[in-house]
Every structure is written in structure tokens, then in C-alpha cells.
PDB file of N, CA and C in Angstrom:
ATOM      1  N   UNK A   1       6.430   4.822  18.386  1.00  0.00           N
ATOM      2  CA  UNK A   1       5.963   6.263  18.890  1.00  0.00           C
ATOM      3  C   UNK A   1       5.744   6.971  17.737  1.00  0.00           C
ATOM      4  N   UNK A   2       5.681   5.759  16.800  1.00  0.00           N
ATOM      5  CA  UNK A   2       4.778   6.365  15.390  1.00  0.00           C
ATOM      6  C   UNK A   2       3.718   7.077  15.814  1.00  0.00           C
ATOM      7  N   UNK A   3       3.488   8.114  14.608  1.00  0.00           N
ATOM      8  CA  UNK A   3       2.221   8.798  14.400  1.00  0.00           C
ATOM      9  C   UNK A   3       0.978   8.025  14.453  1.00  0.00           C
ATOM     10  N   UNK A   4       1.202   7.115  13.731  1.00  0.00           N
ATOM     11  CA  UNK A   4      -0.240   6.032  13.119  1.00  0.00           C
ATOM     12  C   UNK A   4      -0.891   5.352  14.819  1.00  0.00           C
ATOM     13  N   UNK A   5       0.646   5.235  15.613  1.00  0.00           N
ATOM     14  CA  UNK A   5       0.256   4.732  17.062  1.00  0.00           C
ATOM     15  C   UNK A   5      -0.288   5.274  18.083  1.00  0.00           C
ATOM     16  N   UNK A   6       0.178   6.767  17.958  1.00  0.00           N
ATOM     17  CA  UNK A   6      -0.092   7.931  19.068  1.00  0.00           C
ATOM     18  C   UNK A   6      -1.646   8.745  18.404  1.00  0.00           C
ATOM     19  N   UNK A   7      -1.868   8.769  17.113  1.00  0.00           N
ATOM     20  CA  UNK A   7      -2.872   9.203  16.741  1.00  0.00           C
ATOM     21  C   UNK A   7      -4.774   9.004  17.356  1.00  0.00           C
ATOM     22  N   UNK A   8      -4.864   7.409  17.810  1.00  0.00           N
ATOM     23  CA  UNK A   8      -6.132   7.307  18.379  1.00  0.00           C
ATOM     24  C   UNK A   8      -6.037   7.481  19.379  1.00  0.00           C
ATOM     25  N   UNK A   9      -4.871   7.742  20.510  1.00  0.00           N
ATOM     26  CA  UNK A   9      -4.952   8.082  21.642  1.00  0.00           C
ATOM     27  C   UNK A   9      -5.275   9.849  22.022  1.00  0.00           C
ATOM     28  N   UNK A  10      -4.228  11.029  20.586  1.00  0.00           N
ATOM     29  CA  UNK A  10      -4.619  12.220  20.435  1.00  0.00           C
ATOM     30  C   UNK A  10      -6.491  12.328  20.249  1.00  0.00           C
ATOM     31  N   UNK A  11      -7.080  11.674  19.674  1.00  0.00           N
ATOM     32  CA  UNK A  11      -8.573  11.582  18.848  1.00  0.00           C
ATOM     33  C   UNK A  11      -9.160  11.461  20.104  1.00  0.00           C
ATOM     34  N   UNK A  12      -9.204  10.546  21.385  1.00  0.00           N
ATOM     35  CA  UNK A  12      -9.910  10.125  22.151  1.00  0.00           C
ATOM     36  C   UNK A  12      -9.786  11.165  23.744  1.00  0.00           C
ATOM     37  N   UNK A  13      -8.355  11.737  23.478  1.00  0.00           N
ATOM     38  CA  UNK A  13      -8.328  13.170  23.954  1.00  0.00           C
ATOM     39  C   UNK A  13      -9.003  13.762  23.737  1.00  0.00           C
ATOM     40  N   UNK A  14      -9.570  13.724  22.343  1.00  0.00           N
ATOM     41  CA  UNK A  14     -10.431  15.155  22.070  1.00  0.00           C
ATOM     42  C   UNK A  14     -11.701  14.878  22.082  1.00  0.00           C
ATOM     43  N   UNK A  15     -11.930  13.780  22.232  1.00  0.00           N
ATOM     44  CA  UNK A  15     -13.515  13.615  22.333  1.00  0.00           C
ATOM     45  C   UNK A  15     -14.627  13.633  24.224  1.00  0.00           C
ATOM     46  N   UNK A  16     -15.251  13.881  24.179  1.00  0.00           N
ATOM     47  CA  UNK A  16     -15.952  13.855  24.975  1.00  0.00           C
ATOM     48  C   UNK A  16     -15.568  12.966  26.142  1.00  0.00           C
ATOM     49  N   UNK A  17     -14.918  11.661  25.876  1.00  0.00           N
ATOM     50  CA  UNK A  17     -15.511  10.620  26.861  1.00  0.00           C
ATOM     51  C   UNK A  17     -14.598  10.712  27.662  1.00  0.00           C
ATOM     52  N   UNK A  18     -13.147  11.782  27.286  1.00  0.00           N
ATOM     53  CA  UNK A  18     -11.502  12.047  27.901  1.00  0.00           C
ATOM     54  C   UNK A  18     -12.051  12.957  28.911  1.00  0.00           C
ATOM     55  N   UNK A  19     -13.861  13.415  29.019  1.00  0.00           N
ATOM     56  CA  UNK A  19     -13.508  14.881  29.765  1.00  0.00           C
ATOM     57  C   UNK A  19     -12.805  14.780  31.318  1.00  0.00           C
ATOM     58  N   UNK A  20     -12.764  13.751  31.851  1.00  0.00           N
ATOM     59  CA  UNK A  20     -12.287  13.588  33.134  1.00  0.00           C
ATOM     60  C   UNK A  20     -10.900  13.436  33.277  1.00  0.00           C
ATOM     61  N   UNK A  21      -9.837  13.546  32.102  1.00  0.00           N
ATOM     62  CA  UNK A  21      -8.493  12.957  31.458  1.00  0.00           C
ATOM     63  C   UNK A  21      -7.765  15.015  31.908  1.00  0.00           C
ATOM     64  N   UNK A  22      -7.341  15.065  33.224  1.00  0.00           N
ATOM     65  CA  UNK A  22      -6.596  16.082  32.558  1.00  0.00           C
ATOM     66  C   UNK A  22      -4.716  16.008  33.347  1.00  0.00           C
ATOM     67  N   UNK A  23      -4.291  17.120  32.916  1.00  0.00           N
ATOM     68  CA  UNK A  23      -2.972  17.103  33.705  1.00  0.00           C
ATOM     69  C   UNK A  23      -2.294  15.594  33.892  1.00  0.00           C
ATOM     70  N   UNK A  24      -2.617  14.962  32.530  1.00  0.00           N
ATOM     71  CA  UNK A  24      -1.719  13.871  33.152  1.00  0.00           C
ATOM     72  C   UNK A  24      -0.343  13.333  31.639  1.00  0.00           C
ATOM     73  N   UNK A  25       0.008  12.625  31.340  1.00  0.00           N
ATOM     74  CA  UNK A  25       1.112  11.835  30.913  1.00  0.00           C
ATOM     75  C   UNK A  25       1.118  11.108  30.263  1.00  0.00           C
ATOM     76  N   UNK A  26       0.577  10.596  28.987  1.00  0.00           N
ATOM     77  CA  UNK A  26       0.722   9.175  28.520  1.00  0.00           C
ATOM     78  C   UNK A  26       2.143   8.691  27.555  1.00  0.00           C
ATOM     79  N   UNK A  27       2.016   7.302  27.131  1.00  0.00           N
ATOM     80  CA  UNK A  27       3.524   7.013  26.335  1.00  0.00           C
ATOM     81  C   UNK A  27       2.508   6.068  25.522  1.00  0.00           C
ATOM     82  N   UNK A  28       2.491   6.570  24.534  1.00  0.00           N
ATOM     83  CA  UNK A  28       2.167   5.118  23.386  1.00  0.00           C
ATOM     84  C   UNK A  28       3.111   4.337  22.620  1.00  0.00           C
ATOM     85  N   UNK A  29       3.325   2.923  22.578  1.00  0.00           N
ATOM     86  CA  UNK A  29       4.047   2.275  21.866  1.00  0.00           C
ATOM     87  C   UNK A  29       3.735   1.132  21.184  1.00  0.00           C
ATOM     88  N   UNK A  30       3.223   1.434  19.674  1.00  0.00           N
ATOM     89  CA  UNK A  30       2.525   0.003  19.836  1.00  0.00           C
ATOM     90  C   UNK A  30       1.112   0.055  20.202  1.00  0.00           C
ATOM     91  N   UNK A  31       1.279  -1.660  20.270  1.00  0.00           N
ATOM     92  CA  UNK A  31      -0.731  -1.561  21.396  1.00  0.00           C
ATOM     93  C   UNK A  31      -0.541  -1.127  22.995  1.00  0.00           C
ATOM     94  N   UNK A  32       0.970  -1.083  22.825  1.00  0.00           N
ATOM     95  CA  UNK A  32       0.470  -0.353  24.747  1.00  0.00           C
ATOM     96  C   UNK A  32       0.292   1.287  24.859  1.00  0.00           C
ATOM     97  N   UNK A  33      -0.211   1.191  25.754  1.00  0.00           N
ATOM     98  CA  UNK A  33      -0.724   2.771  26.328  1.00  0.00           C
ATOM     99  C   UNK A  33      -0.234   2.389  27.848  1.00  0.00           C
ATOM    100  N   UNK A  34       0.985   3.891  28.346  1.00  0.00           N
ATOM    101  CA  UNK A  34       0.993   3.728  29.588  1.00  0.00           C
ATOM    102  C   UNK A  34       0.779   5.328  30.342  1.00  0.00           C
ATOM    103  N   UNK A  35       0.334   5.373  31.439  1.00  0.00           N
ATOM    104  CA  UNK A  35       0.505   6.058  31.890  1.00  0.00           C
ATOM    105  C   UNK A  35       1.486   6.917  32.860  1.00  0.00           C
ATOM    106  N   UNK A  36       2.423   7.940  32.712  1.00  0.00           N
ATOM    107  CA  UNK A  36       3.329   8.201  33.792  1.00  0.00           C
ATOM    108  C   UNK A  36       3.094   8.695  34.627  1.00  0.00           C
ATOM    109  N   UNK A  37       3.777   8.269  36.167  1.00  0.00           N
ATOM    110  CA  UNK A  37       3.324   8.590  37.154  1.00  0.00           C
ATOM    111  C   UNK A  37       4.394   9.389  37.973  1.00  0.00           C
ATOM    112  N   UNK A  38       4.152   9.751  39.088  1.00  0.00           N
ATOM    113  CA  UNK A  38       5.234  10.619  40.071  1.00  0.00           C
ATOM    114  C   UNK A  38       5.266  11.724  39.842  1.00  0.00           C
ATOM    115  N   UNK A  39       4.644  12.395  39.069  1.00  0.00           N
ATOM    116  CA  UNK A  39       5.043  13.329  38.694  1.00  0.00           C
ATOM    117  C   UNK A  39       4.712  14.761  40.040  1.00  0.00           C
ATOM    118  N   UNK A  40       5.329  15.624  39.770  1.00  0.00           N
ATOM    119  CA  UNK A  40       5.583  16.826  41.460  1.00  0.00           C
ATOM    120  C   UNK A  40       6.509  17.458  40.905  1.00  0.00           C
ATOM    121  N   UNK A  41       6.063  18.410  41.777  1.00  0.00           N
ATOM    122  CA  UNK A  41       7.169  20.108  41.902  1.00  0.00           C
ATOM    123  C   UNK A  41       8.657  19.347  42.025  1.00  0.00           C
ATOM    124  N   UNK A  42       9.806  20.133  41.366  1.00  0.00           N
ATOM    125  CA  UNK A  42      10.411  19.861  41.616  1.00  0.00           C
ATOM    126  C   UNK A  42      11.385  21.216  42.435  1.00  0.00           C
ATOM    127  N   UNK A  43      12.844  21.224  41.292  1.00  0.00           N
ATOM    128  CA  UNK A  43      13.255  22.667  41.642  1.00  0.00           C
ATOM    129  C   UNK A  43      12.691  24.227  41.094  1.00  0.00           C
ATOM    130  N   UNK A  44      12.786  25.124  41.878  1.00  0.00           N
ATOM    131  CA  UNK A  44      11.605  26.170  41.842  1.00  0.00           C
ATOM    132  C   UNK A  44      12.460  27.294  41.637  1.00  0.00           C
ATOM    133  N   UNK A  45      12.121  28.778  41.104  1.00  0.00           N
ATOM    134  CA  UNK A  45      13.271  29.338  41.013  1.00  0.00           C
ATOM    135  C   UNK A  45      11.981  31.112  41.102  1.00  0.00           C
ATOM    136  N   UNK A  46      11.908  31.939  42.103  1.00  0.00           N
ATOM    137  CA  UNK A  46      10.234  32.488  42.022  1.00  0.00           C
ATOM    138  C   UNK A  46      11.161  34.018  41.799  1.00  0.00           C
ATOM    139  N   UNK A  47      11.455  34.867  40.712  1.00  0.00           N
ATOM    140  CA  UNK A  47      11.680  36.139  40.878  1.00  0.00           C
ATOM    141  C   UNK A  47      11.067  37.347  41.483  1.00  0.00           C
ATOM    142  N   UNK A  48       9.183  36.771  42.078  1.00  0.00           N
ATOM    143  CA  UNK A  48       8.847  37.924  42.142  1.00  0.00           C
ATOM    144  C   UNK A  48       7.647  38.997  41.274  1.00  0.00           C
ATOM    145  N   UNK A  49       7.972  38.313  39.845  1.00  0.00           N
ATOM    146  CA  UNK A  49       7.674  39.229  39.172  1.00  0.00           C
ATOM    147  C   UNK A  49       7.733  38.361  37.672  1.00  0.00           C
ATOM    148  N   UNK A  50       7.029  38.803  36.226  1.00  0.00           N
ATOM    149  CA  UNK A  50       6.756  38.275  35.272  1.00  0.00           C
ATOM    150  C   UNK A  50       8.274  38.356  34.995  1.00  0.00           C
ATOM    151  N   UNK A  51       8.511  36.945  34.123  1.00  0.00           N
ATOM    152  CA  UNK A  51      10.161  36.759  33.568  1.00  0.00           C
ATOM    153  C   UNK A  51       9.796  37.512  31.586  1.00  0.00           C
ATOM    154  N   UNK A  52      11.068  37.803  31.639  1.00  0.00           N
ATOM    155  CA  UNK A  52      11.556  37.816  30.148  1.00  0.00           C
ATOM    156  C   UNK A  52      11.688  36.966  29.203  1.00  0.00           C
ATOM    157  N   UNK A  53      11.853  36.712  28.208  1.00  0.00           N
ATOM    158  CA  UNK A  53      12.474  35.627  27.928  1.00  0.00           C
ATOM    159  C   UNK A  53      13.518  34.996  27.269  1.00  0.00           C
ATOM    160  N   UNK A  54      14.722  36.385  27.421  1.00  0.00           N
ATOM    161  CA  UNK A  54      15.779  35.932  27.594  1.00  0.00           C
ATOM    162  C   UNK A  54      16.516  35.890  29.186  1.00  0.00           C
ATOM    163  N   UNK A  55      15.897  35.905  30.032  1.00  0.00           N
ATOM    164  CA  UNK A  55      16.481  35.962  31.086  1.00  0.00           C
ATOM    165  C   UNK A  55      16.358  33.832  31.562  1.00  0.00           C
ATOM    166  N   UNK A  56      15.534  33.602  31.013  1.00  0.00           N
ATOM    167  CA  UNK A  56      14.832  32.248  31.400  1.00  0.00           C
ATOM    168  C   UNK A  56      15.697  31.222  30.819  1.00  0.00           C
ATOM    169  N   UNK A  57      16.217  30.966  30.025  1.00  0.00           N
ATOM    170  CA  UNK A  57      17.600  30.405  29.737  1.00  0.00           C
ATOM    171  C   UNK A  57      18.672  29.681  30.973  1.00  0.00           C
ATOM    172  N   UNK A  58      19.409  30.669  31.380  1.00  0.00           N
ATOM    173  CA  UNK A  58      20.193  30.619  32.573  1.00  0.00           C
ATOM    174  C   UNK A  58      19.135  29.567  33.565  1.00  0.00           C
ATOM    175  N   UNK A  59      18.586  30.006  33.951  1.00  0.00           N
ATOM    176  CA  UNK A  59      17.364  30.083  35.103  1.00  0.00           C
ATOM    177  C   UNK A  59      17.025  28.572  34.692  1.00  0.00           C
ATOM    178  N   UNK A  60      16.462  28.233  33.961  1.00  0.00           N
ATOM    179  CA  UNK A  60      15.863  27.275  33.538  1.00  0.00           C
ATOM    180  C   UNK A  60      17.301  25.329  33.824  1.00  0.00           C
ATOM    181  N   UNK A  61      18.327  26.713  32.902  1.00  0.00           N
ATOM    182  CA  UNK A  61      19.991  24.912  32.947  1.00  0.00           C
ATOM    183  C   UNK A  61      20.004  25.043  34.590  1.00  0.00           C
ATOM    184  N   UNK A  62      19.814  25.848  35.531  1.00  0.00           N
ATOM    185  CA  UNK A  62      20.009  25.867  36.408  1.00  0.00           C
ATOM    186  C   UNK A  62      19.119  24.624  37.187  1.00  0.00           C
ATOM    187  N   UNK A  63      17.696  25.143  36.478  1.00  0.00           N
ATOM    188  CA  UNK A  63      16.651  24.115  37.782  1.00  0.00           C
ATOM    189  C   UNK A  63      17.066  22.873  37.281  1.00  0.00           C
ATOM    190  N   UNK A  64      17.097  22.555  35.992  1.00  0.00           N
ATOM    191  CA  UNK A  64      17.488  21.150  35.419  1.00  0.00           C
ATOM    192  C   UNK A  64      18.727  20.470  36.088  1.00  0.00           C
ATOM    193  N   UNK A  65      19.826  21.413  36.575  1.00  0.00           N
ATOM    194  CA  UNK A  65      20.736  20.835  36.844  1.00  0.00           C
ATOM    195  C   UNK A  65      20.411  20.737  38.456  1.00  0.00           C
ATOM    196  N   UNK A  66      19.331  21.052  39.008  1.00  0.00           N
ATOM    197  CA  UNK A  66      19.491  20.786  40.440  1.00  0.00           C
ATOM    198  C   UNK A  66      17.793  19.588  40.396  1.00  0.00           C
ATOM    199  N   UNK A  67      17.400  19.240  39.337  1.00  0.00           N
ATOM    200  CA  UNK A  67      15.924  17.865  39.287  1.00  0.00           C
ATOM    201  C   UNK A  67      16.782  16.693  39.412  1.00  0.00           C
ATOM    202  N   UNK A  68      16.114  15.774  39.878  1.00  0.00           N
ATOM    203  CA  UNK A  68      16.180  14.822  39.199  1.00  0.00           C
ATOM    204  C   UNK A  68      16.325  14.254  38.435  1.00  0.00           C
ATOM    205  N   UNK A  69      17.223  13.191  37.754  1.00  0.00           N
ATOM    206  CA  UNK A  69      17.161  12.870  36.285  1.00  0.00           C
ATOM    207  C   UNK A  69      16.042  11.682  36.107  1.00  0.00           C
ATOM    208  N   UNK A  70      14.891  12.081  35.421  1.00  0.00           N
ATOM    209  CA  UNK A  70      13.978  11.521  34.623  1.00  0.00           C
ATOM    210  C   UNK A  70      14.135   9.945  34.665  1.00  0.00           C
ATOM    211  N   UNK A  71      13.224   8.556  34.632  1.00  0.00           N
ATOM    212  CA  UNK A  71      13.329   7.709  34.385  1.00  0.00           C
ATOM    213  C   UNK A  71      13.100   7.862  32.709  1.00  0.00           C
ATOM    214  N   UNK A  72      14.657   7.039  32.355  1.00  0.00           N
ATOM    215  CA  UNK A  72      14.124   6.876  30.939  1.00  0.00           C
ATOM    216  C   UNK A  72      12.482   6.516  30.476  1.00  0.00           C
ATOM    217  N   UNK A  73      12.542   7.156  29.099  1.00  0.00           N
ATOM    218  CA  UNK A  73      11.138   6.689  28.628  1.00  0.00           C
ATOM    219  C   UNK A  73      11.100   6.213  27.077  1.00  0.00           C
ATOM    220  N   UNK A  74      10.358   5.561  26.431  1.00  0.00           N
ATOM    221  CA  UNK A  74      10.673   4.825  25.167  1.00  0.00           C
ATOM    222  C   UNK A  74      11.050   6.453  24.440  1.00  0.00           C
ATOM    223  N   UNK A  75      12.266   5.860  22.991  1.00  0.00           N
ATOM    224  CA  UNK A  75      12.941   6.987  22.913  1.00  0.00           C
ATOM    225  C   UNK A  75      13.494   7.722  23.509  1.00  0.00           C
ATOM    226  N   UNK A  76      13.775   7.486  24.682  1.00  0.00           N
ATOM    227  CA  UNK A  76      14.560   8.721  25.452  1.00  0.00           C
ATOM    228  C   UNK A  76      16.163   7.929  25.340  1.00  0.00           C
TER     229      UNK A  76
END
């Protein structure tokens, strides 16, 4: 995940060639580019109003405890 390996993809994503690419996560390792698949909504908590920053920590901790363990990716 060295910057010199990632930067070409970042440059391309900032170009007009990538205009149809949105909502995707990429992993770059040397000369390999991978598209992460399987993104979906997991556990949710809706308080019905805007969150205050001080409220978010415990909520995220609870959501992460309920969520499936993610697949390991390079560097994880």
C-alpha cells in the first residue's frame, strides 16, 4: 500500500475517465488492483434526530459489536 502504488489509481479516479465509478472501494498492492465486493448495510441505530458528536462513540461501539467481522485486506 505504498503511496507510489496507490497514487496512479487516485489520479485516474480524479479524471473524467472515471466518471461512472462511484461508491466503490479499491485495494491496491503493487501492480494489483482489487475492487472490494459485498458492501451492504449492517447494523443501524436511528435516533430520529441529528446526532451530537459526544453521543456517537458508544453507538458506533455497539454497532461494531453487532456487525460481522470484515474480511481481512492487505495491511489489516
